[in-house]
């Protein structure tokens, strides 16, 4: 993925070129601290020779290196990406999302920007064709998709799984209209009007919009049969899922949680379960690769498959 080389400082490029980029999930960069590389469910240090388990060999990021990455990622225009910065991230070409920590600037009680950036989490997207194939018999009935919630902790492959699910729906079930709500630009990685990642030939992608806008206006204007969205989190998100369900639209969504039991403890989700808004629940875990299915449950939380 050349975009990573384009934004990394010179001090990291040679070492990074020795890594199996297709297996990398995250790069964690903290000012004046060792560089950490995540692959699957393991973490390593980055040394001059590549991956290393010895912290004493690790490359150390400087504050200037952090600033260099942020400026390159924003094409040297922080103002142009300030709306994303206020939400704690930048998404760049290829669907690479850079999580950002630093000092929030508050004006009249509203976040205006972030400064003195001290750490970054660069999340690398992957196209794993077929990773959702095993669940398809459980989430379709007579060629009709069933409303499905994908569950896993952060970094377990929810976005990769949803991306492949969008492609599978379009390719194998010939859905005439799939609306992808790509709030953070990670699912399709649309860049200058072209998707960098394949979400299917019958998908329409709405990038950068809040879910409330996407559900209300996207359903009205695009008339989708299926809506695919990542990371349902707020009460507004939950209400939008209910709205779509009442409109006869199938929703594939994801949520951060460890398992079915944890979902029931999250505010608002207990009601979604009790009201049977979703027909299926798919729990993901990590073994050798992200997106491994740990369990498939029906609307009554009865286990259908492991």
C-alpha atoms as a PDB file:
ATOM      1  CA  UNK A   1       0.000   0.000   0.000  1.00  0.00           C
ATOM      2  CA  UNK A   2       2.043   2.930  -1.331  1.00  0.00           C
ATOM      3  CA  UNK A   3       0.031   5.545   0.551  1.00  0.00           C
ATOM      4  CA  UNK A   4       1.695   4.375   3.783  1.00  0.00           C
ATOM      5  CA  UNK A   5       5.169   4.957   2.342  1.00  0.00           C
ATOM      6  CA  UNK A   6       4.031   8.384   1.185  1.00  0.00           C
ATOM      7  CA  UNK A   7       3.113   9.561   4.686  1.00  0.00           C
ATOM      8  CA  UNK A   8       5.786   7.843   6.814  1.00  0.00           C
ATOM      9  CA  UNK A   9       8.893   9.787   7.869  1.00  0.00           C
ATOM     10  CA  UNK A  10      12.246   8.851   6.334  1.00  0.00           C
ATOM     11  CA  UNK A  11      13.324   7.256   9.629  1.00  0.00           C
ATOM     12  CA  UNK A  12      10.654   4.542   9.217  1.00  0.00           C
ATOM     13  CA  UNK A  13      10.533   3.862   5.497  1.00  0.00           C
ATOM     14  CA  UNK A  14      13.447   1.435   5.146  1.00  0.00           C
ATOM     15  CA  UNK A  15      12.312  -0.660   8.114  1.00  0.00           C
ATOM     16  CA  UNK A  16       8.688  -0.598   7.005  1.00  0.00           C
ATOM     17  CA  UNK A  17       9.624  -1.823   3.522  1.00  0.00           C
ATOM     18  CA  UNK A  18      10.728  -5.116   5.099  1.00  0.00           C
ATOM     19  CA  UNK A  19       7.303  -5.857   6.578  1.00  0.00           C
ATOM     20  CA  UNK A  20       4.509  -8.059   5.133  1.00  0.00           C
ATOM     21  CA  UNK A  21       2.132  -5.135   4.579  1.00  0.00           C
ATOM     22  CA  UNK A  22      -0.772  -7.407   3.641  1.00  0.00           C
ATOM     23  CA  UNK A  23      -0.764  -8.802   7.202  1.00  0.00           C
ATOM     24  CA  UNK A  24      -0.481  -5.532   9.134  1.00  0.00           C
ATOM     25  CA  UNK A  25      -3.558  -4.271  10.989  1.00  0.00           C
ATOM     26  CA  UNK A  26      -2.245  -1.252  12.875  1.00  0.00           C
ATOM     27  CA  UNK A  27       0.771   0.950  13.432  1.00  0.00           C
ATOM     28  CA  UNK A  28       0.819   2.589  16.864  1.00  0.00           C
ATOM     29  CA  UNK A  29       3.038   5.655  16.974  1.00  0.00           C
ATOM     30  CA  UNK A  30       3.634   7.662  20.160  1.00  0.00           C
ATOM     31  CA  UNK A  31       5.997  10.602  20.560  1.00  0.00           C
ATOM     32  CA  UNK A  32       9.319   9.541  22.116  1.00  0.00           C
ATOM     33  CA  UNK A  33       8.132   5.908  22.403  1.00  0.00           C
ATOM     34  CA  UNK A  34       8.788   2.642  20.512  1.00  0.00           C
ATOM     35  CA  UNK A  35       6.880   1.963  17.287  1.00  0.00           C
ATOM     36  CA  UNK A  36       4.399  -0.918  17.717  1.00  0.00           C
ATOM     37  CA  UNK A  37       3.070  -3.009  14.810  1.00  0.00           C
ATOM     38  CA  UNK A  38      -0.090  -5.142  15.205  1.00  0.00           C
ATOM     39  CA  UNK A  39      -0.592  -8.233  13.054  1.00  0.00           C
ATOM     40  CA  UNK A  40      -3.585 -10.476  13.742  1.00  0.00           C
ATOM     41  CA  UNK A  41      -3.747 -10.815  17.505  1.00  0.00           C
ATOM     42  CA  UNK A  42      -0.033 -10.166  18.093  1.00  0.00           C
ATOM     43  CA  UNK A  43       2.061  -7.027  18.527  1.00  0.00           C
ATOM     44  CA  UNK A  44       5.719  -6.416  17.652  1.00  0.00           C
ATOM     45  CA  UNK A  45       8.209  -3.590  17.809  1.00  0.00           C
ATOM     46  CA  UNK A  46       9.547  -2.069  14.612  1.00  0.00           C
ATOM     47  CA  UNK A  47      13.346  -2.157  14.416  1.00  0.00           C
ATOM     48  CA  UNK A  48      15.762  -1.246  11.637  1.00  0.00           C
ATOM     49  CA  UNK A  49      15.634  -4.865  10.459  1.00  0.00           C
ATOM     50  CA  UNK A  50      11.831  -5.248  10.603  1.00  0.00           C
ATOM     51  CA  UNK A  51       9.666  -6.895  13.266  1.00  0.00           C
ATOM     52  CA  UNK A  52      11.275  -7.439  16.651  1.00  0.00           C
ATOM     53  CA  UNK A  53      10.246  -8.710  20.090  1.00  0.00           C
ATOM     54  CA  UNK A  54      13.014  -6.820  21.867  1.00  0.00           C
ATOM     55  CA  UNK A  55      12.033  -3.330  22.957  1.00  0.00           C
ATOM     56  CA  UNK A  56      15.673  -2.253  23.098  1.00  0.00           C
ATOM     57  CA  UNK A  57      15.871  -2.647  19.297  1.00  0.00           C
ATOM     58  CA  UNK A  58      12.714  -0.637  18.593  1.00  0.00           C
ATOM     59  CA  UNK A  59      12.635   2.532  16.541  1.00  0.00           C
ATOM     60  CA  UNK A  60      11.597   5.569  18.571  1.00  0.00           C
ATOM     61  CA  UNK A  61       9.148   8.111  17.181  1.00  0.00           C
ATOM     62  CA  UNK A  62       9.912  11.783  17.681  1.00  0.00           C
ATOM     63  CA  UNK A  63       7.400  14.609  17.965  1.00  0.00           C
ATOM     64  CA  UNK A  64       8.639  15.848  14.598  1.00  0.00           C
ATOM     65  CA  UNK A  65       7.942  12.422  13.049  1.00  0.00           C
ATOM     66  CA  UNK A  66       4.369  12.563  14.369  1.00  0.00           C
ATOM     67  CA  UNK A  67       3.885  16.038  12.937  1.00  0.00           C
ATOM     68  CA  UNK A  68       5.363  14.962   9.590  1.00  0.00           C
ATOM     69  CA  UNK A  69       2.871  12.100   9.252  1.00  0.00           C
ATOM     70  CA  UNK A  70      -0.124  14.306  10.083  1.00  0.00           C
ATOM     71  CA  UNK A  71       0.936  17.023   7.651  1.00  0.00           C
ATOM     72  CA  UNK A  72       1.582  14.541   4.841  1.00  0.00           C
ATOM     73  CA  UNK A  73      -1.720  12.751   5.511  1.00  0.00           C
ATOM     74  CA  UNK A  74      -3.595  16.046   5.229  1.00  0.00           C
ATOM     75  CA  UNK A  75      -1.727  17.074   2.049  1.00  0.00           C
ATOM     76  CA  UNK A  76      -0.214  19.842   4.169  1.00  0.00           C
ATOM     77  CA  UNK A  77      -3.612  21.394   4.830  1.00  0.00           C
ATOM     78  CA  UNK A  78      -4.871  20.659   8.343  1.00  0.00           C
ATOM     79  CA  UNK A  79      -7.692  23.106   7.718  1.00  0.00           C
ATOM     80  CA  UNK A  80      -9.036  20.881   4.919  1.00  0.00           C
ATOM     81  CA  UNK A  81      -9.374  17.907   7.300  1.00  0.00           C
ATOM     82  CA  UNK A  82     -10.340  19.830  10.428  1.00  0.00           C
ATOM     83  CA  UNK A  83     -13.868  18.357  10.582  1.00  0.00           C
ATOM     84  CA  UNK A  84     -12.302  14.907  10.801  1.00  0.00           C
ATOM     85  CA  UNK A  85      -9.630  16.097  13.231  1.00  0.00           C
ATOM     86  CA  UNK A  86     -12.337  17.293  15.607  1.00  0.00           C
ATOM     87  CA  UNK A  87     -13.624  13.710  15.683  1.00  0.00           C
ATOM     88  CA  UNK A  88     -10.150  12.334  16.410  1.00  0.00           C
ATOM     89  CA  UNK A  89      -9.140  10.869  13.050  1.00  0.00           C
ATOM     90  CA  UNK A  90      -8.100  11.456   9.434  1.00  0.00           C
ATOM     91  CA  UNK A  91      -9.065   9.054   6.631  1.00  0.00           C
ATOM     92  CA  UNK A  92      -6.798   9.113   3.609  1.00  0.00           C
ATOM     93  CA  UNK A  93      -6.615   7.502   0.166  1.00  0.00           C
ATOM     94  CA  UNK A  94      -6.952   3.727   0.276  1.00  0.00           C
ATOM     95  CA  UNK A  95      -9.214   3.777   3.333  1.00  0.00           C
ATOM     96  CA  UNK A  96      -6.334   4.137   5.804  1.00  0.00           C
ATOM     97  CA  UNK A  97      -7.684   5.721   8.994  1.00  0.00           C
ATOM     98  CA  UNK A  98      -5.345   7.557  11.339  1.00  0.00           C
ATOM     99  CA  UNK A  99      -6.623   7.857  14.898  1.00  0.00           C
ATOM    100  CA  UNK A 100      -5.241  10.932  16.641  1.00  0.00           C
ATOM    101  CA  UNK A 101      -4.632  11.908  20.266  1.00  0.00           C
ATOM    102  CA  UNK A 102      -3.459  15.298  21.465  1.00  0.00           C
ATOM    103  CA  UNK A 103      -4.761  18.480  23.051  1.00  0.00           C
ATOM    104  CA  UNK A 104      -8.338  19.482  22.215  1.00  0.00           C
ATOM    105  CA  UNK A 105      -8.998  23.148  21.574  1.00  0.00           C
ATOM    106  CA  UNK A 106     -12.363  24.142  23.055  1.00  0.00           C
ATOM    107  CA  UNK A 107     -14.096  27.381  22.055  1.00  0.00           C
ATOM    108  CA  UNK A 108     -17.422  28.292  23.641  1.00  0.00           C
ATOM    109  CA  UNK A 109     -17.895  24.722  24.755  1.00  0.00           C
ATOM    110  CA  UNK A 110     -17.347  23.279  21.248  1.00  0.00           C
ATOM    111  CA  UNK A 111     -14.297  21.400  19.951  1.00  0.00           C
ATOM    112  CA  UNK A 112     -12.698  23.583  17.292  1.00  0.00           C
ATOM    113  CA  UNK A 113      -9.603  21.494  16.503  1.00  0.00           C
ATOM    114  CA  UNK A 114      -6.826  19.354  18.007  1.00  0.00           C
ATOM    115  CA  UNK A 115      -3.239  20.490  18.517  1.00  0.00           C
ATOM    116  CA  UNK A 116       0.028  19.237  20.050  1.00  0.00           C
ATOM    117  CA  UNK A 117      -0.641  15.801  18.572  1.00  0.00           C
ATOM    118  CA  UNK A 118       1.185  13.179  20.618  1.00  0.00           C
ATOM    119  CA  UNK A 119       0.124   9.768  19.263  1.00  0.00           C
ATOM    120  CA  UNK A 120      -1.315   8.103  16.179  1.00  0.00           C
ATOM    121  CA  UNK A 121      -2.991   4.783  15.442  1.00  0.00           C
ATOM    122  CA  UNK A 122      -2.770   4.016  11.729  1.00  0.00           C
ATOM    123  CA  UNK A 123      -5.353   1.352  10.846  1.00  0.00           C
ATOM    124  CA  UNK A 124      -4.688  -0.489   7.586  1.00  0.00           C
ATOM    125  CA  UNK A 125      -7.765  -1.760   5.688  1.00  0.00           C
ATOM    126  CA  UNK A 126      -7.821  -5.162   4.021  1.00  0.00           C
ATOM    127  CA  UNK A 127      -9.887  -6.718   1.254  1.00  0.00           C
ATOM    128  CA  UNK A 128     -10.310 -10.361   2.296  1.00  0.00           C
ATOM    129  CA  UNK A 129     -12.571 -11.762  -0.381  1.00  0.00           C
ATOM    130  CA  UNK A 130     -14.797 -14.532   0.955  1.00  0.00           C
ATOM    131  CA  UNK A 131     -14.306 -13.913   4.685  1.00  0.00           C
ATOM    132  CA  UNK A 132     -18.099 -13.541   5.126  1.00  0.00           C
ATOM    133  CA  UNK A 133     -18.994 -16.478   2.872  1.00  0.00           C
ATOM    134  CA  UNK A 134     -19.627 -18.898   5.726  1.00  0.00           C
ATOM    135  CA  UNK A 135     -22.458 -16.817   7.216  1.00  0.00           C
ATOM    136  CA  UNK A 136     -24.396 -16.289   3.989  1.00  0.00           C
ATOM    137  CA  UNK A 137     -26.610 -19.402   4.368  1.00  0.00           C
ATOM    138  CA  UNK A 138     -27.691 -18.099   7.777  1.00  0.00           C
ATOM    139  CA  UNK A 139     -28.475 -14.499   6.830  1.00  0.00           C
ATOM    140  CA  UNK A 140     -30.478 -15.150   3.660  1.00  0.00           C
ATOM    141  CA  UNK A 141     -33.828 -16.900   3.378  1.00  0.00           C
ATOM    142  CA  UNK A 142     -35.134 -17.646  -0.113  1.00  0.00           C
ATOM    143  CA  UNK A 143     -32.807 -15.035  -1.560  1.00  0.00           C
ATOM    144  CA  UNK A 144     -34.032 -12.434   0.952  1.00  0.00           C
ATOM    145  CA  UNK A 145     -31.425 -10.866   3.258  1.00  0.00           C
ATOM    146  CA  UNK A 146     -32.048 -10.877   7.009  1.00  0.00           C
ATOM    147  CA  UNK A 147     -31.224  -7.887   9.210  1.00  0.00           C
ATOM    148  CA  UNK A 148     -27.866  -8.720  10.775  1.00  0.00           C
ATOM    149  CA  UNK A 149     -25.668  -7.214  13.515  1.00  0.00           C
ATOM    150  CA  UNK A 150     -21.930  -7.996  13.461  1.00  0.00           C
ATOM    151  CA  UNK A 151     -20.424  -8.070  16.978  1.00  0.00           C
ATOM    152  CA  UNK A 152     -16.777  -7.959  18.049  1.00  0.00           C
ATOM    153  CA  UNK A 153     -14.259  -5.915  20.057  1.00  0.00           C
ATOM    154  CA  UNK A 154     -12.239  -3.281  18.174  1.00  0.00           C
ATOM    155  CA  UNK A 155      -9.685  -4.633  15.721  1.00  0.00           C
ATOM    156  CA  UNK A 156     -11.326  -8.013  15.152  1.00  0.00           C
ATOM    157  CA  UNK A 157     -12.275  -7.439  11.512  1.00  0.00           C
ATOM    158  CA  UNK A 158     -15.821  -5.993  11.595  1.00  0.00           C
ATOM    159  CA  UNK A 159     -15.146  -3.489   8.825  1.00  0.00           C
ATOM    160  CA  UNK A 160     -13.363  -6.064   6.654  1.00  0.00           C
ATOM    161  CA  UNK A 161     -16.265  -8.462   7.217  1.00  0.00           C
ATOM    162  CA  UNK A 162     -18.914  -5.854   6.318  1.00  0.00           C
ATOM    163  CA  UNK A 163     -16.970  -4.831   3.228  1.00  0.00           C
ATOM    164  CA  UNK A 164     -16.918  -8.414   1.976  1.00  0.00           C
ATOM    165  CA  UNK A 165     -20.580  -8.826   2.928  1.00  0.00           C
ATOM    166  CA  UNK A 166     -21.478  -5.875   0.698  1.00  0.00           C
ATOM    167  CA  UNK A 167     -19.579  -7.450  -2.188  1.00  0.00           C
ATOM    168  CA  UNK A 168     -21.155 -10.874  -1.596  1.00  0.00           C
ATOM    169  CA  UNK A 169     -24.681  -9.427  -1.544  1.00  0.00           C
ATOM    170  CA  UNK A 170     -24.091  -7.718  -4.876  1.00  0.00           C
ATOM    171  CA  UNK A 171     -22.241 -10.565  -6.532  1.00  0.00           C
ATOM    172  CA  UNK A 172     -24.133 -13.652  -5.404  1.00  0.00           C
ATOM    173  CA  UNK A 173     -27.589 -12.380  -4.574  1.00  0.00           C
ATOM    174  CA  UNK A 174     -27.841  -9.670  -7.232  1.00  0.00           C
ATOM    175  CA  UNK A 175     -29.335  -7.069  -4.913  1.00  0.00           C
ATOM    176  CA  UNK A 176     -30.449  -4.216  -7.174  1.00  0.00           C
ATOM    177  CA  UNK A 177     -29.547  -1.538  -4.628  1.00  0.00           C
ATOM    178  CA  UNK A 178     -27.146  -1.550  -1.666  1.00  0.00           C
ATOM    179  CA  UNK A 179     -26.479   1.695   0.227  1.00  0.00           C
ATOM    180  CA  UNK A 180     -23.131   1.807   2.059  1.00  0.00           C
ATOM    181  CA  UNK A 181     -23.036   4.460   4.793  1.00  0.00           C
ATOM    182  CA  UNK A 182     -19.297   5.035   5.065  1.00  0.00           C
ATOM    183  CA  UNK A 183     -19.162   7.639   7.828  1.00  0.00           C
ATOM    184  CA  UNK A 184     -15.389   7.457   8.298  1.00  0.00           C
ATOM    185  CA  UNK A 185     -14.411   6.461   4.768  1.00  0.00           C
ATOM    186  CA  UNK A 186     -13.187   2.988   5.775  1.00  0.00           C
ATOM    187  CA  UNK A 187     -15.638   0.624   4.092  1.00  0.00           C
ATOM    188  CA  UNK A 188     -15.281   1.724   0.472  1.00  0.00           C
ATOM    189  CA  UNK A 189     -12.468   4.278   0.822  1.00  0.00           C
ATOM    190  CA  UNK A 190     -14.042   6.514  -1.801  1.00  0.00           C
ATOM    191  CA  UNK A 191     -11.438   8.902  -3.208  1.00  0.00           C
ATOM    192  CA  UNK A 192     -12.387  11.599  -5.721  1.00  0.00           C
ATOM    193  CA  UNK A 193     -15.587   9.707  -6.542  1.00  0.00           C
ATOM    194  CA  UNK A 194     -14.016   6.258  -6.985  1.00  0.00           C
ATOM    195  CA  UNK A 195     -14.103   3.420  -4.453  1.00  0.00           C
ATOM    196  CA  UNK A 196     -10.598   2.250  -3.547  1.00  0.00           C
ATOM    197  CA  UNK A 197     -12.026  -0.931  -1.981  1.00  0.00           C
ATOM    198  CA  UNK A 198     -14.611  -3.188  -3.634  1.00  0.00           C
ATOM    199  CA  UNK A 199     -18.060  -3.102  -2.014  1.00  0.00           C
ATOM    200  CA  UNK A 200     -19.908  -4.555  -5.003  1.00  0.00           C
ATOM    201  CA  UNK A 201     -21.175  -3.381  -8.354  1.00  0.00           C
ATOM    202  CA  UNK A 202     -24.685  -2.557  -7.077  1.00  0.00           C
ATOM    203  CA  UNK A 203     -23.539  -0.431  -4.122  1.00  0.00           C
ATOM    204  CA  UNK A 204     -24.034   3.306  -3.718  1.00  0.00           C
ATOM    205  CA  UNK A 205     -21.595   4.857  -1.234  1.00  0.00           C
ATOM    206  CA  UNK A 206     -22.303   7.864   0.981  1.00  0.00           C
ATOM    207  CA  UNK A 207     -19.048   9.008   2.573  1.00  0.00           C
ATOM    208  CA  UNK A 208     -18.501  11.296   5.548  1.00  0.00           C
ATOM    209  CA  UNK A 209     -22.138  11.750   6.559  1.00  0.00           C
ATOM    210  CA  UNK A 210     -23.445  11.052  10.027  1.00  0.00           C
ATOM    211  CA  UNK A 211     -25.653   7.975  10.230  1.00  0.00           C
ATOM    212  CA  UNK A 212     -28.756  10.073  10.922  1.00  0.00           C
ATOM    213  CA  UNK A 213     -28.286  11.870   7.595  1.00  0.00           C
ATOM    214  CA  UNK A 214     -27.449   8.647   5.781  1.00  0.00           C
ATOM    215  CA  UNK A 215     -30.462   6.723   7.038  1.00  0.00           C
ATOM    216  CA  UNK A 216     -32.979   9.541   6.657  1.00  0.00           C
ATOM    217  CA  UNK A 217     -31.848  11.029   3.349  1.00  0.00           C
ATOM    218  CA  UNK A 218     -30.105   8.023   1.830  1.00  0.00           C
ATOM    219  CA  UNK A 219     -33.140   5.774   2.172  1.00  0.00           C
ATOM    220  CA  UNK A 220     -35.420   8.491   0.832  1.00  0.00           C
ATOM    221  CA  UNK A 221     -33.260   9.427  -2.155  1.00  0.00           C
ATOM    222  CA  UNK A 222     -31.603   6.129  -3.138  1.00  0.00           C
ATOM    223  CA  UNK A 223     -34.372   3.653  -2.187  1.00  0.00           C
ATOM    224  CA  UNK A 224     -31.989   0.842  -1.182  1.00  0.00           C
ATOM    225  CA  UNK A 225     -32.936  -2.743  -0.496  1.00  0.00           C
ATOM    226  CA  UNK A 226     -29.984  -3.150   1.871  1.00  0.00           C
ATOM    227  CA  UNK A 227     -28.161  -0.588   4.028  1.00  0.00           C
ATOM    228  CA  UNK A 228     -24.670  -1.439   5.297  1.00  0.00           C
ATOM    229  CA  UNK A 229     -23.098   0.681   8.034  1.00  0.00           C
ATOM    230  CA  UNK A 230     -20.249   0.332  10.491  1.00  0.00           C
ATOM    231  CA  UNK A 231     -20.150   0.852  14.270  1.00  0.00           C
ATOM    232  CA  UNK A 232     -23.617   1.548  15.640  1.00  0.00           C
ATOM    233  CA  UNK A 233     -22.889   3.334  18.930  1.00  0.00           C
ATOM    234  CA  UNK A 234     -25.257   6.129  19.961  1.00  0.00           C
ATOM    235  CA  UNK A 235     -28.949   6.240  20.783  1.00  0.00           C
ATOM    236  CA  UNK A 236     -29.468   8.194  17.551  1.00  0.00           C
ATOM    237  CA  UNK A 237     -27.789   5.363  15.616  1.00  0.00           C
ATOM    238  CA  UNK A 238     -30.108   2.856  17.271  1.00  0.00           C
ATOM    239  CA  UNK A 239     -33.178   4.917  16.405  1.00  0.00           C
ATOM    240  CA  UNK A 240     -32.014   5.179  12.780  1.00  0.00           C
ATOM    241  CA  UNK A 241     -31.773   1.370  12.602  1.00  0.00           C
ATOM    242  CA  UNK A 242     -35.328   1.168  13.923  1.00  0.00           C
ATOM    243  CA  UNK A 243     -36.467   3.700  11.319  1.00  0.00           C
ATOM    244  CA  UNK A 244     -34.884   1.705   8.504  1.00  0.00           C
ATOM    245  CA  UNK A 245     -36.395  -1.512   9.809  1.00  0.00           C
ATOM    246  CA  UNK A 246     -39.865   0.016   9.866  1.00  0.00           C
ATOM    247  CA  UNK A 247     -39.272   1.185   6.286  1.00  0.00           C
ATOM    248  CA  UNK A 248     -38.776  -2.387   5.110  1.00  0.00           C
ATOM    249  CA  UNK A 249     -35.041  -1.957   4.511  1.00  0.00           C
ATOM    250  CA  UNK A 250     -32.597  -4.683   5.503  1.00  0.00           C
ATOM    251  CA  UNK A 251     -29.723  -3.378   7.654  1.00  0.00           C
ATOM    252  CA  UNK A 252     -26.289  -4.948   8.060  1.00  0.00           C
ATOM    253  CA  UNK A 253     -24.465  -3.128  10.864  1.00  0.00           C
ATOM    254  CA  UNK A 254     -21.705  -3.667  13.408  1.00  0.00           C
ATOM    255  CA  UNK A 255     -21.131  -2.838  17.072  1.00  0.00           C
ATOM    256  CA  UNK A 256     -18.250  -2.986  19.523  1.00  0.00           C
ATOM    257  CA  UNK A 257     -18.807  -5.723  22.109  1.00  0.00           C
ATOM    258  CA  UNK A 258     -17.079  -8.899  23.225  1.00  0.00           C
ATOM    259  CA  UNK A 259     -20.038 -11.243  22.975  1.00  0.00           C
ATOM    260  CA  UNK A 260     -23.841 -11.526  23.077  1.00  0.00           C
ATOM    261  CA  UNK A 261     -23.893 -11.064  26.850  1.00  0.00           C
ATOM    262  CA  UNK A 262     -22.060  -7.759  26.633  1.00  0.00           C
ATOM    263  CA  UNK A 263     -24.441  -6.508  23.939  1.00  0.00           C
ATOM    264  CA  UNK A 264     -27.381  -6.881  26.326  1.00  0.00           C
ATOM    265  CA  UNK A 265     -25.622  -4.546  28.784  1.00  0.00           C
ATOM    266  CA  UNK A 266     -25.084  -1.728  26.277  1.00  0.00           C
ATOM    267  CA  UNK A 267     -27.639   1.122  26.574  1.00  0.00           C
ATOM    268  CA  UNK A 268     -30.360   0.824  23.946  1.00  0.00           C
ATOM    269  CA  UNK A 269     -29.283  -2.548  22.590  1.00  0.00           C
ATOM    270  CA  UNK A 270     -31.311  -4.551  25.097  1.00  0.00           C
ATOM    271  CA  UNK A 271     -34.441  -3.025  23.558  1.00  0.00           C
ATOM    272  CA  UNK A 272     -33.232  -3.847  20.022  1.00  0.00           C
ATOM    273  CA  UNK A 273     -32.821  -7.462  21.084  1.00  0.00           C
ATOM    274  CA  UNK A 274     -36.130  -7.654  22.938  1.00  0.00           C
ATOM    275  CA  UNK A 275     -37.979  -6.038  20.019  1.00  0.00           C
ATOM    276  CA  UNK A 276     -36.245  -8.409  17.570  1.00  0.00           C
ATOM    277  CA  UNK A 277     -35.137  -5.589  15.311  1.00  0.00           C
ATOM    278  CA  UNK A 278     -32.274  -7.806  14.055  1.00  0.00           C
ATOM    279  CA  UNK A 279     -32.878 -11.302  12.691  1.00  0.00           C
ATOM    280  CA  UNK A 280     -29.297 -12.504  13.070  1.00  0.00           C
ATOM    281  CA  UNK A 281     -26.262 -11.794  15.270  1.00  0.00           C
ATOM    282  CA  UNK A 282     -22.756 -12.741  14.116  1.00  0.00           C
ATOM    283  CA  UNK A 283     -19.941 -12.691  16.702  1.00  0.00           C
ATOM    284  CA  UNK A 284     -16.360 -12.324  15.420  1.00  0.00           C
ATOM    285  CA  UNK A 285     -13.043 -13.186  17.007  1.00  0.00           C
ATOM    286  CA  UNK A 286      -9.395 -13.328  15.942  1.00  0.00           C
ATOM    287  CA  UNK A 287      -7.490 -16.547  15.447  1.00  0.00           C
ATOM    288  CA  UNK A 288      -5.023 -16.535  12.573  1.00  0.00           C
ATOM    289  CA  UNK A 289      -6.870 -13.772  10.738  1.00  0.00           C
ATOM    290  CA  UNK A 290      -9.336 -11.030  11.572  1.00  0.00           C
ATOM    291  CA  UNK A 291     -13.005 -11.711  10.938  1.00  0.00           C
ATOM    292  CA  UNK A 292     -13.156 -15.300  12.200  1.00  0.00           C
ATOM    293  CA  UNK A 293     -16.747 -16.234  13.098  1.00  0.00           C
ATOM    294  CA  UNK A 294     -17.154 -17.312  16.744  1.00  0.00           C
ATOM    295  CA  UNK A 295     -20.928 -17.784  16.607  1.00  0.00           C
ATOM    296  CA  UNK A 296     -24.131 -17.097  14.663  1.00  0.00           C
ATOM    297  CA  UNK A 297     -27.354 -16.470  16.617  1.00  0.00           C
ATOM    298  CA  UNK A 298     -30.995 -15.991  15.600  1.00  0.00           C
ATOM    299  CA  UNK A 299     -33.306 -13.160  16.723  1.00  0.00           C
ATOM    300  CA  UNK A 300     -34.006 -15.016  19.979  1.00  0.00           C
ATOM    301  CA  UNK A 301     -30.234 -15.359  20.591  1.00  0.00           C
ATOM    302  CA  UNK A 302     -30.412 -19.091  19.944  1.00  0.00           C
ATOM    303  CA  UNK A 303     -27.072 -20.419  18.708  1.00  0.00           C
ATOM    304  CA  UNK A 304     -27.297 -21.521  15.073  1.00  0.00           C
ATOM    305  CA  UNK A 305     -23.660 -22.252  14.295  1.00  0.00           C
ATOM    306  CA  UNK A 306     -20.107 -21.912  15.572  1.00  0.00           C
END
